[in-house]
Amino acid sequence: MAPAIRTLENVKALKACVAGERVTFRARVLRLWEIGGLRMSLVGDESALTRIEMGEAAAEPGRSYEFRNTLVRQYPGGWHSASLVEDSEVAPLAGEVPVSQDEAYIERTYKILA
């Protein structure tokens, strides 16, 4: 039986999820990078920023997407991220997801995660 997929109201709601949970949310791609052979992205909305392990999925910086059926990961200290896995989808949105964080904050977060 396939796991239940919860639709999140915003990126910040990822913090309340448990590792292994499957979630769908909308966010704008802010940065893309590769580390140790893994393709990563920094995404966000008005509520928060998070990292997504992209796998083979394609996305463009500055574009907004719905990240469907992502796998929640949790790290020591309560930090959360999402991973695109076999059943995940990245669907481009017609509209733009607003991001409230300023460019300096986005860049600092990117440097920490990359």
PDB file of N, CA and C in Angstrom:
ATOM      1  N   MET A   1       0.842  -1.183   0.000  1.00  0.00           N
ATOM      2  CA  MET A   1       0.000   0.000   0.000  1.00  0.00           C
ATOM      3  C   MET A   1       0.889   1.249   0.000  1.00  0.00           C
ATOM      4  N   ALA A   2       0.577   2.190  -0.840  1.00  0.00           N
ATOM      5  CA  ALA A   2       1.362   3.417  -0.954  1.00  0.00           C
ATOM      6  C   ALA A   2       1.185   4.277   0.292  1.00  0.00           C
ATOM      7  N   PRO A   3       2.251   4.956   0.722  1.00  0.00           N
ATOM      8  CA  PRO A   3       2.134   5.813   1.902  1.00  0.00           C
ATOM      9  C   PRO A   3       1.218   7.007   1.631  1.00  0.00           C
ATOM     10  N   ALA A   4       0.564   7.490   2.685  1.00  0.00           N
ATOM     11  CA  ALA A   4      -0.284   8.677   2.556  1.00  0.00           C
ATOM     12  C   ALA A   4       0.595   9.885   2.260  1.00  0.00           C
ATOM     13  N   ILE A   5       0.102  10.771   1.415  1.00  0.00           N
ATOM     14  CA  ILE A   5       0.851  11.979   1.052  1.00  0.00           C
ATOM     15  C   ILE A   5       0.099  13.176   1.614  1.00  0.00           C
ATOM     16  N   ARG A   6       0.782  13.948   2.456  1.00  0.00           N
ATOM     17  CA  ARG A   6       0.164  15.115   3.070  1.00  0.00           C
ATOM     18  C   ARG A   6       0.550  16.365   2.284  1.00  0.00           C
ATOM     19  N   THR A   7      -0.434  17.214   1.986  1.00  0.00           N
ATOM     20  CA  THR A   7      -0.162  18.480   1.319  1.00  0.00           C
ATOM     21  C   THR A   7       0.087  19.533   2.391  1.00  0.00           C
ATOM     22  N   LEU A   8       1.250  20.169   2.327  1.00  0.00           N
ATOM     23  CA  LEU A   8       1.630  21.175   3.313  1.00  0.00           C
ATOM     24  C   LEU A   8       1.140  22.555   2.889  1.00  0.00           C
ATOM     25  N   GLU A   9       0.766  23.351   3.870  1.00  0.00           N
ATOM     26  CA  GLU A   9       0.307  24.714   3.617  1.00  0.00           C
ATOM     27  C   GLU A   9       1.448  25.604   3.143  1.00  0.00           C
ATOM     28  N   ASN A  10       2.661  25.338   3.675  1.00  0.00           N
ATOM     29  CA  ASN A  10       3.829  26.131   3.307  1.00  0.00           C
ATOM     30  C   ASN A  10       5.111  25.352   3.622  1.00  0.00           C
ATOM     31  N   VAL A  11       6.250  25.914   3.284  1.00  0.00           N
ATOM     32  CA  VAL A  11       7.530  25.243   3.508  1.00  0.00           C
ATOM     33  C   VAL A  11       7.819  25.092   4.998  1.00  0.00           C
ATOM     34  N   LYS A  12       7.441  26.060   5.802  1.00  0.00           N
ATOM     35  CA  LYS A  12       7.692  26.000   7.246  1.00  0.00           C
ATOM     36  C   LYS A  12       7.027  24.778   7.881  1.00  0.00           C
ATOM     37  N   ALA A  13       5.903  24.330   7.327  1.00  0.00           N
ATOM     38  CA  ALA A  13       5.196  23.167   7.866  1.00  0.00           C
ATOM     39  C   ALA A  13       6.041  21.897   7.789  1.00  0.00           C
ATOM     40  N   LEU A  14       7.087  21.902   6.980  1.00  0.00           N
ATOM     41  CA  LEU A  14       7.988  20.758   6.885  1.00  0.00           C
ATOM     42  C   LEU A  14       8.618  20.454   8.244  1.00  0.00           C
ATOM     43  N   LYS A  15       8.834  21.495   9.065  1.00  0.00           N
ATOM     44  CA  LYS A  15       9.442  21.329  10.394  1.00  0.00           C
ATOM     45  C   LYS A  15       8.610  20.458  11.318  1.00  0.00           C
ATOM     46  N   ALA A  16       7.304  20.388  11.092  1.00  0.00           N
ATOM     47  CA  ALA A  16       6.419  19.604  11.951  1.00  0.00           C
ATOM     48  C   ALA A  16       6.271  18.166  11.458  1.00  0.00           C
ATOM     49  N   CYS A  17       6.924  17.827  10.357  1.00  0.00           N
ATOM     50  CA  CYS A  17       6.821  16.485   9.792  1.00  0.00           C
ATOM     51  C   CYS A  17       7.849  15.563  10.437  1.00  0.00           C
ATOM     52  N   VAL A  18       7.606  14.269  10.301  1.00  0.00           N
ATOM     53  CA  VAL A  18       8.544  13.283  10.826  1.00  0.00           C
ATOM     54  C   VAL A  18       9.306  12.649   9.663  1.00  0.00           C
ATOM     55  N   ALA A  19      10.509  12.195   9.957  1.00  0.00           N
ATOM     56  CA  ALA A  19      11.327  11.543   8.933  1.00  0.00           C
ATOM     57  C   ALA A  19      10.559  10.384   8.324  1.00  0.00           C
ATOM     58  N   GLY A  20      10.618  10.280   7.008  1.00  0.00           N
ATOM     59  CA  GLY A  20       9.943   9.204   6.304  1.00  0.00           C
ATOM     60  C   GLY A  20       8.550   9.552   5.813  1.00  0.00           C
ATOM     61  N   GLU A  21       8.009  10.668   6.302  1.00  0.00           N
ATOM     62  CA  GLU A  21       6.680  11.094   5.862  1.00  0.00           C
ATOM     63  C   GLU A  21       6.754  11.556   4.409  1.00  0.00           C
ATOM     64  N   ARG A  22       5.661  11.410   3.678  1.00  0.00           N
ATOM     65  CA  ARG A  22       5.582  11.869   2.289  1.00  0.00           C
ATOM     66  C   ARG A  22       4.732  13.128   2.247  1.00  0.00           C
ATOM     67  N   VAL A  23       5.259  14.173   1.593  1.00  0.00           N
ATOM     68  CA  VAL A  23       4.562  15.454   1.554  1.00  0.00           C
ATOM     69  C   VAL A  23       4.632  16.083   0.169  1.00  0.00           C
ATOM     70  N   THR A  24       3.684  16.982  -0.088  1.00  0.00           N
ATOM     71  CA  THR A  24       3.635  17.795  -1.294  1.00  0.00           C
ATOM     72  C   THR A  24       3.596  19.247  -0.851  1.00  0.00           C
ATOM     73  N   PHE A  25       4.360  20.113  -1.506  1.00  0.00           N
ATOM     74  CA  PHE A  25       4.352  21.537  -1.179  1.00  0.00           C
ATOM     75  C   PHE A  25       4.774  22.342  -2.397  1.00  0.00           C
ATOM     76  N   ARG A  26       4.522  23.655  -2.335  1.00  0.00           N
ATOM     77  CA  ARG A  26       4.882  24.576  -3.421  1.00  0.00           C
ATOM     78  C   ARG A  26       6.003  25.488  -2.950  1.00  0.00           C
ATOM     79  N   ALA A  27       6.950  25.742  -3.842  1.00  0.00           N
ATOM     80  CA  ALA A  27       8.079  26.601  -3.492  1.00  0.00           C
ATOM     81  C   ALA A  27       8.760  27.093  -4.757  1.00  0.00           C
ATOM     82  N   ARG A  28       9.561  28.137  -4.590  1.00  0.00           N
ATOM     83  CA  ARG A  28      10.366  28.666  -5.690  1.00  0.00           C
ATOM     84  C   ARG A  28      11.799  28.166  -5.539  1.00  0.00           C
ATOM     85  N   VAL A  29      12.404  27.727  -6.631  1.00  0.00           N
ATOM     86  CA  VAL A  29      13.801  27.286  -6.627  1.00  0.00           C
ATOM     87  C   VAL A  29      14.681  28.535  -6.600  1.00  0.00           C
ATOM     88  N   LEU A  30      15.564  28.601  -5.609  1.00  0.00           N
ATOM     89  CA  LEU A  30      16.422  29.775  -5.424  1.00  0.00           C
ATOM     90  C   LEU A  30      17.870  29.514  -5.836  1.00  0.00           C
ATOM     91  N   ARG A  31      18.357  28.295  -5.615  1.00  0.00           N
ATOM     92  CA  ARG A  31      19.729  27.925  -5.979  1.00  0.00           C
ATOM     93  C   ARG A  31      19.737  26.441  -6.350  1.00  0.00           C
ATOM     94  N   LEU A  32      20.651  26.060  -7.228  1.00  0.00           N
ATOM     95  CA  LEU A  32      20.908  24.662  -7.569  1.00  0.00           C
ATOM     96  C   LEU A  32      22.403  24.419  -7.424  1.00  0.00           C
ATOM     97  N   TRP A  33      22.792  23.226  -6.952  1.00  0.00           N
ATOM     98  CA  TRP A  33      24.197  22.867  -6.860  1.00  0.00           C
ATOM     99  C   TRP A  33      24.329  21.351  -6.789  1.00  0.00           C
ATOM    100  N   GLU A  34      25.555  20.893  -6.915  1.00  0.00           N
ATOM    101  CA  GLU A  34      25.845  19.470  -6.819  1.00  0.00           C
ATOM    102  C   GLU A  34      26.936  19.280  -5.787  1.00  0.00           C
ATOM    103  N   ILE A  35      26.761  18.271  -4.945  1.00  0.00           N
ATOM    104  CA  ILE A  35      27.756  17.962  -3.922  1.00  0.00           C
ATOM    105  C   ILE A  35      27.852  16.446  -3.792  1.00  0.00           C
ATOM    106  N   GLY A  36      29.056  15.930  -3.954  1.00  0.00           N
ATOM    107  CA  GLY A  36      29.257  14.488  -3.848  1.00  0.00           C
ATOM    108  C   GLY A  36      28.385  13.677  -4.791  1.00  0.00           C
ATOM    109  N   GLY A  37      28.120  14.222  -5.969  1.00  0.00           N
ATOM    110  CA  GLY A  37      27.303  13.524  -6.947  1.00  0.00           C
ATOM    111  C   GLY A  37      25.805  13.687  -6.742  1.00  0.00           C
ATOM    112  N   LEU A  38      25.398  14.372  -5.676  1.00  0.00           N
ATOM    113  CA  LEU A  38      23.973  14.614  -5.413  1.00  0.00           C
ATOM    114  C   LEU A  38      23.584  15.997  -5.914  1.00  0.00           C
ATOM    115  N   ARG A  39      22.473  16.058  -6.643  1.00  0.00           N
ATOM    116  CA  ARG A  39      21.959  17.344  -7.124  1.00  0.00           C
ATOM    117  C   ARG A  39      21.015  17.906  -6.068  1.00  0.00           C
ATOM    118  N   MET A  40      21.269  19.133  -5.642  1.00  0.00           N
ATOM    119  CA  MET A  40      20.513  19.756  -4.567  1.00  0.00           C
ATOM    120  C   MET A  40      19.903  21.070  -5.030  1.00  0.00           C
ATOM    121  N   SER A  41      18.877  21.523  -4.281  1.00  0.00           N
ATOM    122  CA  SER A  41      18.325  22.847  -4.533  1.00  0.00           C
ATOM    123  C   SER A  41      17.925  23.483  -3.211  1.00  0.00           C
ATOM    124  N   LEU A  42      18.016  24.789  -3.182  1.00  0.00           N
ATOM    125  CA  LEU A  42      17.487  25.583  -2.077  1.00  0.00           C
ATOM    126  C   LEU A  42      16.184  26.158  -2.594  1.00  0.00           C
ATOM    127  N   VAL A  43      15.089  25.886  -1.873  1.00  0.00           N
ATOM    128  CA  VAL A  43      13.773  26.363  -2.283  1.00  0.00           C
ATOM    129  C   VAL A  43      13.139  27.106  -1.122  1.00  0.00           C
ATOM    130  N   GLY A  44      12.128  27.925  -1.437  1.00  0.00           N
ATOM    131  CA  GLY A  44      11.465  28.640  -0.361  1.00  0.00           C
ATOM    132  C   GLY A  44      10.155  29.256  -0.787  1.00  0.00           C
ATOM    133  N   ASP A  45       9.483  29.800   0.234  1.00  0.00           N
ATOM    134  CA  ASP A  45       8.259  30.570   0.039  1.00  0.00           C
ATOM    135  C   ASP A  45       8.278  31.697   1.066  1.00  0.00           C
ATOM    136  N   GLU A  46       7.145  32.278   1.363  1.00  0.00           N
ATOM    137  CA  GLU A  46       7.113  33.382   2.329  1.00  0.00           C
ATOM    138  C   GLU A  46       7.411  32.929   3.750  1.00  0.00           C
ATOM    139  N   SER A  47       7.271  31.631   4.034  1.00  0.00           N
ATOM    140  CA  SER A  47       7.410  31.150   5.402  1.00  0.00           C
ATOM    141  C   SER A  47       8.812  30.668   5.765  1.00  0.00           C
ATOM    142  N   ALA A  48       9.550  30.113   4.813  1.00  0.00           N
ATOM    143  CA  ALA A  48      10.832  29.489   5.143  1.00  0.00           C
ATOM    144  C   ALA A  48      11.593  29.086   3.886  1.00  0.00           C
ATOM    145  N   LEU A  49      12.826  28.617   4.112  1.00  0.00           N
ATOM    146  CA  LEU A  49      13.663  28.022   3.071  1.00  0.00           C
ATOM    147  C   LEU A  49      13.959  26.587   3.475  1.00  0.00           C
ATOM    148  N   THR A  50      14.208  25.717   2.505  1.00  0.00           N
ATOM    149  CA  THR A  50      14.648  24.357   2.805  1.00  0.00           C
ATOM    150  C   THR A  50      15.457  23.829   1.640  1.00  0.00           C
ATOM    151  N   ARG A  51      16.123  22.712   1.890  1.00  0.00           N
ATOM    152  CA  ARG A  51      16.923  22.052   0.870  1.00  0.00           C
ATOM    153  C   ARG A  51      16.149  20.853   0.342  1.00  0.00           C
ATOM    154  N   ILE A  52      16.283  20.608  -0.953  1.00  0.00           N
ATOM    155  CA  ILE A  52      15.687  19.420  -1.567  1.00  0.00           C
ATOM    156  C   ILE A  52      16.779  18.672  -2.314  1.00  0.00           C
ATOM    157  N   GLU A  53      16.854  17.376  -2.078  1.00  0.00           N
ATOM    158  CA  GLU A  53      17.711  16.513  -2.878  1.00  0.00           C
ATOM    159  C   GLU A  53      16.931  16.213  -4.148  1.00  0.00           C
ATOM    160  N   MET A  54      17.433  16.658  -5.297  1.00  0.00           N
ATOM    161  CA  MET A  54      16.678  16.667  -6.538  1.00  0.00           C
ATOM    162  C   MET A  54      16.677  15.344  -7.307  1.00  0.00           C
ATOM    163  N   GLY A  55      17.635  14.466  -7.060  1.00  0.00           N
ATOM    164  CA  GLY A  55      17.706  13.245  -7.855  1.00  0.00           C
ATOM    165  C   GLY A  55      17.924  13.606  -9.313  1.00  0.00           C
ATOM    166  N   GLU A  56      17.134  13.051 -10.198  1.00  0.00           N
ATOM    167  CA  GLU A  56      17.263  13.312 -11.634  1.00  0.00           C
ATOM    168  C   GLU A  56      16.306  14.399 -12.126  1.00  0.00           C
ATOM    169  N   ALA A  57      15.502  14.959 -11.233  1.00  0.00           N
ATOM    170  CA  ALA A  57      14.485  15.950 -11.629  1.00  0.00           C
ATOM    171  C   ALA A  57      15.136  17.238 -12.126  1.00  0.00           C
ATOM    172  N   ALA A  58      14.493  17.856 -13.084  1.00  0.00           N
ATOM    173  CA  ALA A  58      14.972  19.120 -13.642  1.00  0.00           C
ATOM    174  C   ALA A  58      14.177  20.281 -13.039  1.00  0.00           C
ATOM    175  N   ALA A  59      14.876  21.369 -12.760  1.00  0.00           N
ATOM    176  CA  ALA A  59      14.244  22.593 -12.257  1.00  0.00           C
ATOM    177  C   ALA A  59      15.138  23.765 -12.625  1.00  0.00           C
ATOM    178  N   GLU A  60      14.541  24.948 -12.687  1.00  0.00           N
ATOM    179  CA  GLU A  60      15.290  26.154 -13.033  1.00  0.00           C
ATOM    180  C   GLU A  60      15.229  27.154 -11.894  1.00  0.00           C
ATOM    181  N   PRO A  61      16.357  27.780 -11.552  1.00  0.00           N
ATOM    182  CA  PRO A  61      16.340  28.817 -10.525  1.00  0.00           C
ATOM    183  C   PRO A  61      15.385  29.944 -10.918  1.00  0.00           C
ATOM    184  N   GLY A  62      14.636  30.440  -9.938  1.00  0.00           N
ATOM    185  CA  GLY A  62      13.695  31.523 -10.170  1.00  0.00           C
ATOM    186  C   GLY A  62      12.299  31.059 -10.541  1.00  0.00           C
ATOM    187  N   ARG A  63      12.147  29.781 -10.881  1.00  0.00           N
ATOM    188  CA  ARG A  63      10.835  29.231 -11.242  1.00  0.00           C
ATOM    189  C   ARG A  63      10.189  28.582 -10.027  1.00  0.00           C
ATOM    190  N   SER A  64       8.870  28.558 -10.030  1.00  0.00           N
ATOM    191  CA  SER A  64       8.104  27.961  -8.939  1.00  0.00           C
ATOM    192  C   SER A  64       7.550  26.609  -9.369  1.00  0.00           C
ATOM    193  N   TYR A  65       7.506  25.682  -8.404  1.00  0.00           N
ATOM    194  CA  TYR A  65       7.095  24.310  -8.674  1.00  0.00           C
ATOM    195  C   TYR A  65       6.255  23.763  -7.535  1.00  0.00           C
ATOM    196  N   GLU A  66       5.490  22.730  -7.847  1.00  0.00           N
ATOM    197  CA  GLU A  66       4.876  21.912  -6.816  1.00  0.00           C
ATOM    198  C   GLU A  66       5.726  20.657  -6.731  1.00  0.00           C
ATOM    199  N   PHE A  67       6.256  20.404  -5.546  1.00  0.00           N
ATOM    200  CA  PHE A  67       7.084  19.233  -5.297  1.00  0.00           C
ATOM    201  C   PHE A  67       6.161  18.179  -4.694  1.00  0.00           C
ATOM    202  N   ARG A  68       5.831  17.158  -5.483  1.00  0.00           N
ATOM    203  CA  ARG A  68       4.825  16.173  -5.107  1.00  0.00           C
ATOM    204  C   ARG A  68       5.464  14.882  -4.599  1.00  0.00           C
ATOM    205  N   ASN A  69       4.901  14.395  -3.500  1.00  0.00           N
ATOM    206  CA  ASN A  69       5.289  13.097  -2.946  1.00  0.00           C
ATOM    207  C   ASN A  69       6.781  13.054  -2.604  1.00  0.00           C
ATOM    208  N   THR A  70       7.267  14.092  -1.938  1.00  0.00           N
ATOM    209  CA  THR A  70       8.674  14.112  -1.518  1.00  0.00           C
ATOM    210  C   THR A  70       8.819  13.379  -0.189  1.00  0.00           C
ATOM    211  N   LEU A  71       9.996  12.884   0.071  1.00  0.00           N
ATOM    212  CA  LEU A  71      10.305  12.161   1.291  1.00  0.00           C
ATOM    213  C   LEU A  71      10.950  13.120   2.287  1.00  0.00           C
ATOM    214  N   VAL A  72      10.378  13.225   3.490  1.00  0.00           N
ATOM    215  CA  VAL A  72      10.919  14.105   4.531  1.00  0.00           C
ATOM    216  C   VAL A  72      12.122  13.442   5.182  1.00  0.00           C
ATOM    217  N   ARG A  73      13.168  14.224   5.361  1.00  0.00           N
ATOM    218  CA  ARG A  73      14.357  13.779   6.098  1.00  0.00           C
ATOM    219  C   ARG A  73      14.536  14.707   7.295  1.00  0.00           C
ATOM    220  N   GLN A  74      14.989  14.128   8.407  1.00  0.00           N
ATOM    221  CA  GLN A  74      15.192  14.907   9.629  1.00  0.00           C
ATOM    222  C   GLN A  74      16.610  14.666  10.124  1.00  0.00           C
ATOM    223  N   TYR A  75      17.250  15.726  10.606  1.00  0.00           N
ATOM    224  CA  TYR A  75      18.636  15.672  11.030  1.00  0.00           C
ATOM    225  C   TYR A  75      18.750  16.090  12.482  1.00  0.00           C
ATOM    226  N   PRO A  76      19.855  15.729  13.158  1.00  0.00           N
ATOM    227  CA  PRO A  76      20.047  16.150  14.546  1.00  0.00           C
ATOM    228  C   PRO A  76      19.897  17.669  14.679  1.00  0.00           C
ATOM    229  N   GLY A  77      19.261  18.090  15.719  1.00  0.00           N
ATOM    230  CA  GLY A  77      19.014  19.513  15.930  1.00  0.00           C
ATOM    231  C   GLY A  77      17.664  19.945  15.384  1.00  0.00           C
ATOM    232  N   GLY A  78      16.903  19.001  14.822  1.00  0.00           N
ATOM    233  CA  GLY A  78      15.555  19.310  14.368  1.00  0.00           C
ATOM    234  C   GLY A  78      15.467  19.891  12.967  1.00  0.00           C
ATOM    235  N   TRP A  79      16.572  19.870  12.214  1.00  0.00           N
ATOM    236  CA  TRP A  79      16.580  20.421  10.866  1.00  0.00           C
ATOM    237  C   TRP A  79      15.931  19.430   9.917  1.00  0.00           C
ATOM    238  N   HIS A  80      15.104  19.908   8.991  1.00  0.00           N
ATOM    239  CA  HIS A  80      14.381  19.062   8.044  1.00  0.00           C
ATOM    240  C   HIS A  80      14.727  19.430   6.605  1.00  0.00           C
ATOM    241  N   SER A  81      14.620  18.440   5.714  1.00  0.00           N
ATOM    242  CA  SER A  81      14.732  18.686   4.282  1.00  0.00           C
ATOM    243  C   SER A  81      13.807  17.699   3.577  1.00  0.00           C
ATOM    244  N   ALA A  82      13.786  17.783   2.269  1.00  0.00           N
ATOM    245  CA  ALA A  82      12.966  16.863   1.480  1.00  0.00           C
ATOM    246  C   ALA A  82      13.824  16.256   0.388  1.00  0.00           C
ATOM    247  N   SER A  83      13.462  15.051  -0.029  1.00  0.00           N
ATOM    248  CA  SER A  83      14.162  14.384  -1.115  1.00  0.00           C
ATOM    249  C   SER A  83      13.158  13.925  -2.159  1.00  0.00           C
ATOM    250  N   LEU A  84      13.521  14.136  -3.420  1.00  0.00           N
ATOM    251  CA  LEU A  84      12.724  13.584  -4.502  1.00  0.00           C
ATOM    252  C   LEU A  84      13.153  12.131  -4.661  1.00  0.00           C
ATOM    253  N   VAL A  85      12.182  11.250  -4.616  1.00  0.00           N
ATOM    254  CA  VAL A  85      12.442   9.822  -4.720  1.00  0.00           C
ATOM    255  C   VAL A  85      11.721   9.274  -5.944  1.00  0.00           C
ATOM    256  N   GLU A  86      11.723   7.977  -6.120  1.00  0.00           N
ATOM    257  CA  GLU A  86      11.202   7.359  -7.330  1.00  0.00           C
ATOM    258  C   GLU A  86       9.792   7.822  -7.708  1.00  0.00           C
ATOM    259  N   ASP A  87       8.903   7.954  -6.741  1.00  0.00           N
ATOM    260  CA  ASP A  87       7.507   8.322  -7.026  1.00  0.00           C
ATOM    261  C   ASP A  87       7.255   9.827  -7.004  1.00  0.00           C
ATOM    262  N   SER A  88       8.283  10.637  -6.774  1.00  0.00           N
ATOM    263  CA  SER A  88       8.112  12.087  -6.670  1.00  0.00           C
ATOM    264  C   SER A  88       7.950  12.731  -8.034  1.00  0.00           C
ATOM    265  N   GLU A  89       7.341  13.916  -8.032  1.00  0.00           N
ATOM    266  CA  GLU A  89       7.192  14.703  -9.259  1.00  0.00           C
ATOM    267  C   GLU A  89       7.524  16.159  -8.964  1.00  0.00           C
ATOM    268  N   VAL A  90       8.027  16.854  -9.981  1.00  0.00           N
ATOM    269  CA  VAL A  90       8.259  18.294  -9.907  1.00  0.00           C
ATOM    270  C   VAL A  90       7.409  18.912 -11.011  1.00  0.00           C
ATOM    271  N   ALA A  91       6.347  19.617 -10.617  1.00  0.00           N
ATOM    272  CA  ALA A  91       5.412  20.180 -11.587  1.00  0.00           C
ATOM    273  C   ALA A  91       5.546  21.699 -11.619  1.00  0.00           C
ATOM    274  N   PRO A  92       5.907  22.279 -12.765  1.00  0.00           N
ATOM    275  CA  PRO A  92       6.006  23.741 -12.873  1.00  0.00           C
ATOM    276  C   PRO A  92       4.648  24.388 -12.606  1.00  0.00           C
ATOM    277  N   LEU A  93       4.679  25.524 -11.929  1.00  0.00           N
ATOM    278  CA  LEU A  93       3.459  26.286 -11.649  1.00  0.00           C
ATOM    279  C   LEU A  93       3.349  27.456 -12.616  1.00  0.00           C
ATOM    280  N   ALA A  94       2.133  27.813 -12.958  1.00  0.00           N
ATOM    281  CA  ALA A  94       1.904  28.957 -13.843  1.00  0.00           C
ATOM    282  C   ALA A  94       2.234  30.256 -13.122  1.00  0.00           C
ATOM    283  N   GLY A  95       1.902  30.337 -11.839  1.00  0.00           N
ATOM    284  CA  GLY A  95       2.170  31.539 -11.046  1.00  0.00           C
ATOM    285  C   GLY A  95       3.475  31.414 -10.293  1.00  0.00           C
ATOM    286  N   GLU A  96       3.865  32.505  -9.664  1.00  0.00           N
ATOM    287  CA  GLU A  96       5.114  32.546  -8.921  1.00  0.00           C
ATOM    288  C   GLU A  96       4.840  32.433  -7.426  1.00  0.00           C
ATOM    289  N   VAL A  97       5.587  31.571  -6.739  1.00  0.00           N
ATOM    290  CA  VAL A  97       5.490  31.464  -5.288  1.00  0.00           C
ATOM    291  C   VAL A  97       6.312  32.607  -4.694  1.00  0.00           C
ATOM    292  N   PRO A  98       5.674  33.475  -3.887  1.00  0.00           N
ATOM    293  CA  PRO A  98       6.430  34.585  -3.298  1.00  0.00           C
ATOM    294  C   PRO A  98       7.429  34.107  -2.238  1.00  0.00           C
ATOM    295  N   VAL A  99       8.560  34.788  -2.171  1.00  0.00           N
ATOM    296  CA  VAL A  99       9.594  34.503  -1.179  1.00  0.00           C
ATOM    297  C   VAL A  99       9.849  35.786  -0.411  1.00  0.00           C
ATOM    298  N   SER A 100       9.740  35.714   0.928  1.00  0.00           N
ATOM    299  CA  SER A 100       9.879  36.944   1.716  1.00  0.00           C
ATOM    300  C   SER A 100      11.314  37.215   2.157  1.00  0.00           C
ATOM    301  N   GLN A 101      12.172  36.201   2.136  1.00  0.00           N
ATOM    302  CA  GLN A 101      13.540  36.396   2.602  1.00  0.00           C
ATOM    303  C   GLN A 101      14.316  37.250   1.606  1.00  0.00           C
ATOM    304  N   ASP A 102      15.201  38.111   2.153  1.00  0.00           N
ATOM    305  CA  ASP A 102      15.991  38.948   1.263  1.00  0.00           C
ATOM    306  C   ASP A 102      17.168  38.157   0.678  1.00  0.00           C
ATOM    307  N   GLU A 103      17.783  38.697  -0.348  1.00  0.00           N
ATOM    308  CA  GLU A 103      18.841  38.007  -1.077  1.00  0.00           C
ATOM    309  C   GLU A 103      20.028  37.664  -0.170  1.00  0.00           C
ATOM    310  N   ALA A 104      20.372  38.531   0.775  1.00  0.00           N
ATOM    311  CA  ALA A 104      21.503  38.266   1.669  1.00  0.00           C
ATOM    312  C   ALA A 104      21.225  37.033   2.536  1.00  0.00           C
ATOM    313  N   TYR A 105      20.011  36.908   3.050  1.00  0.00           N
ATOM    314  CA  TYR A 105      19.637  35.754   3.872  1.00  0.00           C
ATOM    315  C   TYR A 105      19.655  34.479   3.019  1.00  0.00           C
ATOM    316  N   ILE A 106      19.127  34.554   1.809  1.00  0.00           N
ATOM    317  CA  ILE A 106      19.121  33.405   0.898  1.00  0.00           C
ATOM    318  C   ILE A 106      20.550  32.961   0.614  1.00  0.00           C
ATOM    319  N   GLU A 107      21.442  33.903   0.344  1.00  0.00           N
ATOM    320  CA  GLU A 107      22.831  33.577   0.047  1.00  0.00           C
ATOM    321  C   GLU A 107      23.534  32.951   1.256  1.00  0.00           C
ATOM    322  N   ARG A 108      23.293  33.478   2.472  1.00  0.00           N
ATOM    323  CA  ARG A 108      23.884  32.892   3.685  1.00  0.00           C
ATOM    324  C   ARG A 108      23.396  31.453   3.878  1.00  0.00           C
ATOM    325  N   THR A 109      22.109  31.239   3.686  1.00  0.00           N
ATOM    326  CA  THR A 109      21.538  29.898   3.850  1.00  0.00           C
ATOM    327  C   THR A 109      22.138  28.947   2.823  1.00  0.00           C
ATOM    328  N   TYR A 110      22.247  29.406   1.580  1.00  0.00           N
ATOM    329  CA  TYR A 110      22.845  28.593   0.527  1.00  0.00           C
ATOM    330  C   TYR A 110      24.269  28.198   0.893  1.00  0.00           C
ATOM    331  N   LYS A 111      25.080  29.127   1.379  1.00  0.00           N
ATOM    332  CA  LYS A 111      26.465  28.840   1.727  1.00  0.00           C
ATOM    333  C   LYS A 111      26.553  27.811   2.855  1.00  0.00           C
ATOM    334  N   ILE A 112      25.638  27.863   3.805  1.00  0.00           N
ATOM    335  CA  ILE A 112      25.606  26.883   4.900  1.00  0.00           C
ATOM    336  C   ILE A 112      25.280  25.490   4.349  1.00  0.00           C
ATOM    337  N   LEU A 113      24.293  25.420   3.473  1.00  0.00           N
ATOM    338  CA  LEU A 113      23.827  24.119   2.960  1.00  0.00           C
ATOM    339  C   LEU A 113      24.744  23.524   1.903  1.00  0.00           C
ATOM    340  N   ALA A 114      25.367  24.380   1.116  1.00  0.00           N
ATOM    341  CA  ALA A 114      26.234  23.884   0.038  1.00  0.00           C
ATOM    342  C   ALA A 114      27.583  23.503   0.591  1.00  0.00           C
TER     343      ALA A 114
END
